[in-house]
Protein backbone atom coordinates (compact mmCIF):
# COMPACT_ATOMS: atom_id res chain seq x y z
CA UNK A 1 3.23 2.57 -8.38
CA UNK A 2 5.93 4.69 -6.70
CA UNK A 3 8.60 3.15 -8.94
CA UNK A 4 6.49 3.88 -12.01
CA UNK A 5 5.94 7.50 -10.94
CA UNK A 6 9.68 7.87 -10.26
CA UNK A 7 10.43 6.65 -13.77
CA UNK A 8 7.99 9.11 -15.29
CA UNK A 9 9.44 12.00 -13.24
CA UNK A 10 12.93 11.08 -14.50
CA UNK A 11 11.69 11.37 -18.06
CA UNK A 12 10.14 14.78 -17.39
CA UNK A 13 13.29 16.08 -15.66
CA UNK A 14 15.42 14.94 -18.56
CA UNK A 15 13.25 16.82 -21.02
CA UNK A 16 13.33 20.02 -18.94
CA UNK A 17 17.12 20.03 -18.65
CA UNK A 18 17.60 19.44 -22.35
CA UNK A 19 19.40 16.15 -21.71
CA UNK A 20 18.61 13.21 -23.99
CA UNK A 21 15.55 11.28 -22.91
CA UNK A 22 15.36 7.51 -23.24
CA UNK A 23 15.99 5.81 -26.59
CA UNK A 24 14.53 7.82 -29.47
CA UNK A 25 13.23 10.38 -26.93
CA UNK A 26 10.14 8.20 -26.39
CA UNK A 27 9.15 7.82 -22.71
CA UNK A 28 8.59 4.32 -21.34
CA UNK A 29 8.36 3.26 -17.67
CA UNK A 30 7.15 -0.13 -16.38
CA UNK A 31 6.10 -1.25 -12.89
CA UNK A 32 5.59 -4.81 -11.65
CA UNK A 33 7.48 -8.08 -11.36
CA UNK A 34 9.01 -9.23 -14.63
CA UNK A 35 8.07 -12.86 -14.32
CA UNK A 36 5.68 -15.42 -15.74
CA UNK A 37 2.09 -14.83 -14.63
CA UNK A 38 2.60 -11.12 -13.94
CA UNK A 39 0.68 -7.99 -14.85
CA UNK A 40 2.82 -4.93 -15.62
CA UNK A 41 1.66 -1.33 -15.54
CA UNK A 42 3.27 1.00 -18.08
CA UNK A 43 3.47 4.73 -18.73
CA UNK A 44 4.34 6.48 -21.99
CA UNK A 45 3.28 9.49 -24.04
CA UNK A 46 -0.54 9.64 -24.34
CA UNK A 47 -0.30 9.75 -28.15
CA UNK A 48 2.10 6.82 -28.44
CA UNK A 49 1.21 3.45 -29.96
CA UNK A 50 2.23 0.41 -27.90
CA UNK A 51 2.67 -3.23 -28.94
CA UNK A 52 3.59 -6.32 -26.94
CA UNK A 53 5.31 -8.61 -29.41
CA UNK A 54 2.73 -8.70 -32.23
CA UNK A 55 -0.28 -7.47 -30.20
CA UNK A 56 -1.58 -3.91 -30.06
CA UNK A 57 -1.91 -2.55 -26.52
CA UNK A 58 -4.45 0.18 -25.73
CA UNK A 59 -3.15 3.36 -24.07
CA UNK A 60 -5.26 5.51 -21.74
CA UNK A 61 -5.69 9.26 -22.40
CA UNK A 62 -3.06 9.82 -19.67
CA UNK A 63 -0.53 7.46 -21.28
CA UNK A 64 -0.98 4.40 -19.04
CA UNK A 65 -1.21 0.84 -20.32
CA UNK A 66 -1.16 -2.72 -18.98
CA UNK A 67 0.40 -5.93 -20.29
CA UNK A 68 0.25 -9.47 -18.90
CA UNK A 69 2.18 -12.73 -19.22
CA UNK A 70 0.83 -16.28 -19.10
CA UNK A 71 1.83 -19.04 -16.70
CA UNK A 72 4.36 -20.44 -19.20
CA UNK A 73 5.03 -17.26 -21.18
CA UNK A 74 8.21 -17.01 -23.25
CA UNK A 75 10.97 -15.51 -21.18
CA UNK A 76 11.84 -12.94 -23.85
CA UNK A 77 9.14 -10.35 -24.55
CA UNK A 78 9.34 -7.17 -26.63
CA UNK A 79 7.53 -3.91 -25.89
CA UNK A 80 7.51 -1.47 -28.82
CA UNK A 81 6.44 2.17 -28.56
CA UNK A 82 5.92 4.35 -31.65
CA UNK A 83 5.56 8.12 -31.56
CA UNK A 84 5.90 10.79 -34.27
CA UNK A 85 7.50 8.41 -36.74
CA UNK A 86 10.05 7.13 -34.23
CA UNK A 87 10.15 3.74 -32.56
CA UNK A 88 11.57 2.45 -29.32
CA UNK A 89 11.76 -1.25 -28.48
CA UNK A 90 12.63 -2.75 -25.13
CA UNK A 91 13.27 -6.44 -24.50
CA UNK A 92 11.85 -7.74 -21.24
CA UNK A 93 13.51 -10.79 -19.72
CA UNK A 94 11.03 -12.63 -17.51
CA UNK A 95 12.10 -14.90 -14.69
CA UNK A 96 11.00 -18.52 -15.05
CA UNK A 97 8.80 -19.87 -12.28
CA UNK A 98 8.53 -23.32 -10.76
CA UNK A 99 5.05 -24.52 -9.91
CA UNK A 100 3.89 -27.24 -7.55
CA UNK A 101 3.06 -30.39 -9.55
CA UNK A 102 1.20 -33.16 -7.70
CA UNK A 103 0.92 -36.68 -9.14
CA UNK A 104 -1.99 -38.80 -7.95
CA UNK A 105 -2.53 -42.35 -9.23
CA UNK A 106 -5.34 -44.83 -8.59
CA UNK A 107 -8.13 -42.25 -8.85
CA UNK A 108 -11.44 -43.82 -10.07
CA UNK A 109 -11.77 -42.84 -13.72
CA UNK A 110 -15.38 -41.71 -13.31
CA UNK A 111 -14.18 -38.93 -11.02
CA UNK A 112 -11.52 -37.85 -13.52
CA UNK A 113 -13.57 -37.82 -16.72
CA UNK A 114 -17.04 -36.18 -16.74
CA UNK A 115 -19.90 -37.91 -18.56
CA UNK A 116 -20.98 -36.69 -22.05
CA UNK A 117 -23.84 -34.55 -20.73
CA UNK A 118 -21.52 -32.85 -18.30
CA UNK A 119 -19.07 -32.22 -21.13
CA UNK A 120 -21.80 -30.50 -23.18
CA UNK A 121 -22.78 -28.37 -20.21
CA UNK A 122 -19.22 -27.32 -19.42
CA UNK A 123 -18.62 -26.34 -23.06
CA UNK A 124 -21.68 -24.09 -23.03
CA UNK A 125 -20.60 -22.53 -19.76
CA UNK A 126 -17.01 -22.06 -20.94
CA UNK A 127 -18.31 -20.17 -23.98
CA UNK A 128 -20.35 -17.91 -21.70
CA UNK A 129 -17.29 -17.17 -19.56
CA UNK A 130 -15.21 -16.50 -22.69
CA UNK A 131 -17.76 -13.98 -23.95
CA UNK A 132 -17.81 -12.21 -20.57
CA UNK A 133 -14.06 -11.74 -20.82
CA UNK A 134 -14.34 -10.16 -24.27
CA UNK A 135 -15.86 -7.04 -22.74
CA UNK A 136 -13.80 -3.96 -23.59
CA UNK A 137 -14.08 -0.65 -21.77
CA UNK A 138 -12.04 2.47 -21.13
CA UNK A 139 -12.36 2.20 -17.35
CA UNK A 140 -9.10 2.71 -15.47
CA UNK A 141 -9.96 1.06 -12.15
CA UNK A 142 -6.73 -0.97 -12.28
CA UNK A 143 -4.68 2.21 -11.67
CA UNK A 144 -5.81 2.30 -8.03
CA UNK A 145 -4.11 0.12 -5.39
CA UNK A 146 -6.33 -2.93 -4.89
CA UNK A 147 -7.70 -4.44 -1.69
CA UNK A 148 -7.99 -8.12 -0.76
CA UNK A 149 -11.28 -9.66 -1.88
CA UNK A 150 -11.64 -11.72 1.31
CA UNK A 151 -9.93 -12.56 4.57
CA UNK A 152 -8.78 -16.11 5.16
CA UNK A 153 -6.02 -18.67 4.82
CA UNK A 154 -4.32 -19.01 1.42
CA UNK A 155 -5.05 -22.64 0.56
CA UNK A 156 -4.22 -22.80 -3.14
CA UNK A 157 -1.68 -21.13 -5.36
CA UNK A 158 -1.54 -19.94 -8.95
CA UNK A 159 0.20 -22.29 -11.37
CA UNK A 160 -0.07 -25.51 -9.37
CA UNK A 161 -1.21 -28.62 -11.25
CA UNK A 162 -2.37 -32.17 -10.61
CA UNK A 163 -1.60 -35.18 -12.78
CA UNK A 164 -4.33 -37.77 -12.19
CA UNK A 165 -3.66 -41.32 -13.36
CA UNK A 166 -0.92 -39.95 -15.58
CA UNK A 167 -3.20 -37.36 -17.24
CA UNK A 168 -2.29 -33.69 -16.67
CA UNK A 169 -5.26 -31.65 -15.51
CA UNK A 170 -5.68 -27.94 -16.12
CA UNK A 171 -3.33 -25.84 -13.98
CA UNK A 172 -4.81 -23.80 -11.16
CA UNK A 173 -5.11 -20.24 -12.42
CA UNK A 174 -6.19 -18.48 -9.24
CA UNK A 175 -5.44 -17.91 -5.59
CA UNK A 176 -7.61 -19.80 -3.10
CA UNK A 177 -8.71 -18.11 0.12
CA UNK A 178 -10.22 -20.57 2.61
CA UNK A 179 -12.86 -19.16 4.96
CA UNK A 180 -16.25 -20.22 6.38
CA UNK A 181 -19.31 -20.29 4.13
CA UNK A 182 -20.96 -16.89 4.12
CA UNK A 183 -17.74 -14.87 4.49
CA UNK A 184 -18.16 -11.63 2.48
CA UNK A 185 -16.33 -11.24 -0.83
CA UNK A 186 -15.45 -7.65 -1.74
CA UNK A 187 -14.51 -6.09 -5.06
CA UNK A 188 -10.72 -5.43 -5.00
CA UNK A 189 -11.18 -2.70 -7.63
CA UNK A 190 -14.20 -0.83 -8.92
CA UNK A 191 -15.66 -2.14 -12.18
CA UNK A 192 -18.67 -3.42 -14.12
CA UNK A 193 -20.10 -6.93 -13.76
CA UNK A 194 -19.96 -8.94 -17.00
CA UNK A 195 -20.95 -12.36 -15.60
CA UNK A 196 -23.09 -13.32 -12.59
CA UNK A 197 -23.97 -17.04 -12.54
CA UNK A 198 -25.19 -18.89 -9.43
CA UNK A 199 -24.45 -22.45 -10.56
CA UNK A 200 -21.78 -23.34 -13.12
CA UNK A 201 -20.70 -26.99 -13.21
CA UNK A 202 -17.05 -26.54 -12.24
CA UNK A 203 -17.01 -23.14 -10.56
CA UNK A 204 -20.46 -22.94 -8.95
CA UNK A 205 -21.44 -19.36 -8.12
CA UNK A 206 -19.28 -17.25 -10.44
CA UNK A 207 -18.76 -13.51 -10.99
CA UNK A 208 -16.57 -11.68 -13.53
CA UNK A 209 -15.87 -7.95 -13.23
CA UNK A 210 -14.37 -5.73 -15.94
CA UNK A 211 -11.87 -3.11 -14.71
CA UNK A 212 -10.97 -1.62 -18.08
CA UNK A 213 -8.31 -2.06 -20.77
CA UNK A 214 -8.78 -5.86 -20.86
CA UNK A 215 -8.24 -6.31 -17.10
CA UNK A 216 -10.91 -8.46 -15.46
CA UNK A 217 -11.23 -10.49 -12.27
CA UNK A 218 -13.17 -13.67 -11.51
CA UNK A 219 -14.65 -15.11 -8.29
CA UNK A 220 -15.51 -18.83 -8.08
CA UNK A 221 -17.38 -21.26 -5.77
CA UNK A 222 -19.53 -18.51 -4.28
CA UNK A 223 -22.33 -19.42 -1.90
CA UNK A 224 -24.27 -16.34 -2.98
CA UNK A 225 -24.00 -14.06 -6.00
CA UNK A 226 -25.20 -10.62 -4.93
CA UNK A 227 -24.68 -8.60 -8.12
CA UNK A 228 -26.14 -8.52 -11.64
CA UNK A 229 -24.65 -8.25 -15.11
CA UNK A 230 -24.22 -4.60 -16.07
CA UNK A 231 -24.06 -3.41 -12.47
CA UNK A 232 -21.35 -0.89 -11.59
CA UNK A 233 -19.37 -1.93 -8.51
CA UNK A 234 -17.28 0.31 -6.27
CA UNK A 235 -14.08 -0.89 -4.65
CA UNK A 236 -14.93 -2.61 -1.37
CA UNK A 237 -18.54 -3.42 -2.28
CA UNK A 238 -19.70 -6.88 -1.20
CA UNK A 239 -20.38 -8.86 -4.39
CA UNK A 240 -21.13 -12.27 -2.86
CA UNK A 241 -20.13 -14.73 -0.16
CA UNK A 242 -17.66 -17.59 0.06
CA UNK A 243 -19.03 -21.08 -0.46
CA UNK A 244 -18.21 -24.56 -1.76
CA UNK A 245 -20.39 -24.64 -4.88
CA UNK A 246 -19.37 -26.37 -8.09
CA UNK A 247 -16.47 -28.80 -7.94
CA UNK A 248 -15.08 -27.74 -4.56
CA UNK A 249 -14.02 -29.84 -1.59
CA UNK A 250 -14.59 -27.12 1.00
CA UNK A 251 -15.59 -23.48 1.39
CA UNK A 252 -13.12 -21.10 -0.24
CA UNK A 253 -12.85 -18.27 -2.74
CA UNK A 254 -10.92 -19.01 -5.92
CA UNK A 255 -10.17 -15.55 -7.27
CA UNK A 256 -8.50 -14.89 -10.58
CA UNK A 257 -7.22 -12.06 -12.73
CA UNK A 258 -7.02 -11.88 -16.51
CA UNK A 259 -5.53 -9.55 -19.07
CA UNK A 260 -7.82 -10.48 -21.94
CA UNK A 261 -7.47 -14.25 -22.16
CA UNK A 262 -4.09 -14.34 -20.38
CA UNK A 263 -4.52 -15.84 -16.92
CA UNK A 264 -2.36 -14.09 -14.34
CA UNK A 265 -1.24 -14.55 -10.74
CA UNK A 266 -3.38 -12.46 -8.33
CA UNK A 267 -0.65 -12.50 -5.67
CA UNK A 268 1.62 -10.41 -7.91
CA UNK A 269 -0.85 -7.53 -8.26
CA UNK A 270 0.14 -5.89 -4.99
CA UNK A 271 3.71 -5.21 -6.20
CA UNK A 272 2.34 -2.86 -8.87
CA UNK A 273 1.72 -0.16 -6.31
CA UNK A 274 4.80 -0.39 -4.09
């Protein structure tokens, strides 16, 4: 956040001294790691229009915005800002990441492929999760430095993937925090609950919280779900407890962050506010 504020102050100082501002006199400052899986926090003129490649990006009344990049996002991204008939474009070059890929052969097929009834159930539940992530609000909770959702050992990392019997499984899109069953899980930001399910097939007890401007976080394998849909949560509130529900081999929290449908790396969030 300090680097973002410094960039904004540079723009203001330039305008006051009469020196040329950035390209086309349109302010643009970005904070965060420019890499795959990252969330970036931006600042521009409150009346500017922002696009990431071909997608419109909402801007807060104070000129802030967020953008996010998928696990295997293209390394060249373009941010375009339009204001008063002028346009400024900036090309972002993302660093490419290497993820841990584990190959496991000889796994009984019945443990790799769910039965037809399980497939139907998981499709219904996936649709419910998708709808929860469509929630749009003008909350700006993501502007505040976040706190850790739980204390414990990091046991799983964003982007890792298993290949079972030669078949690639879905990559891991969260950060796993291993801790005893019953360990409190706290909201890292304030927000509004959009999903609170005690027993989903894969993820068990599951919560999704909207933090505004397409930013939402998810909490999986919970032993208890202690909030309800529509409930407003303050940063630091206990929302549930760590468990091993769903398809889990031991008690841990799998926590995730999304920008819309883009699945991002939670471990990179802390660099936004340095």
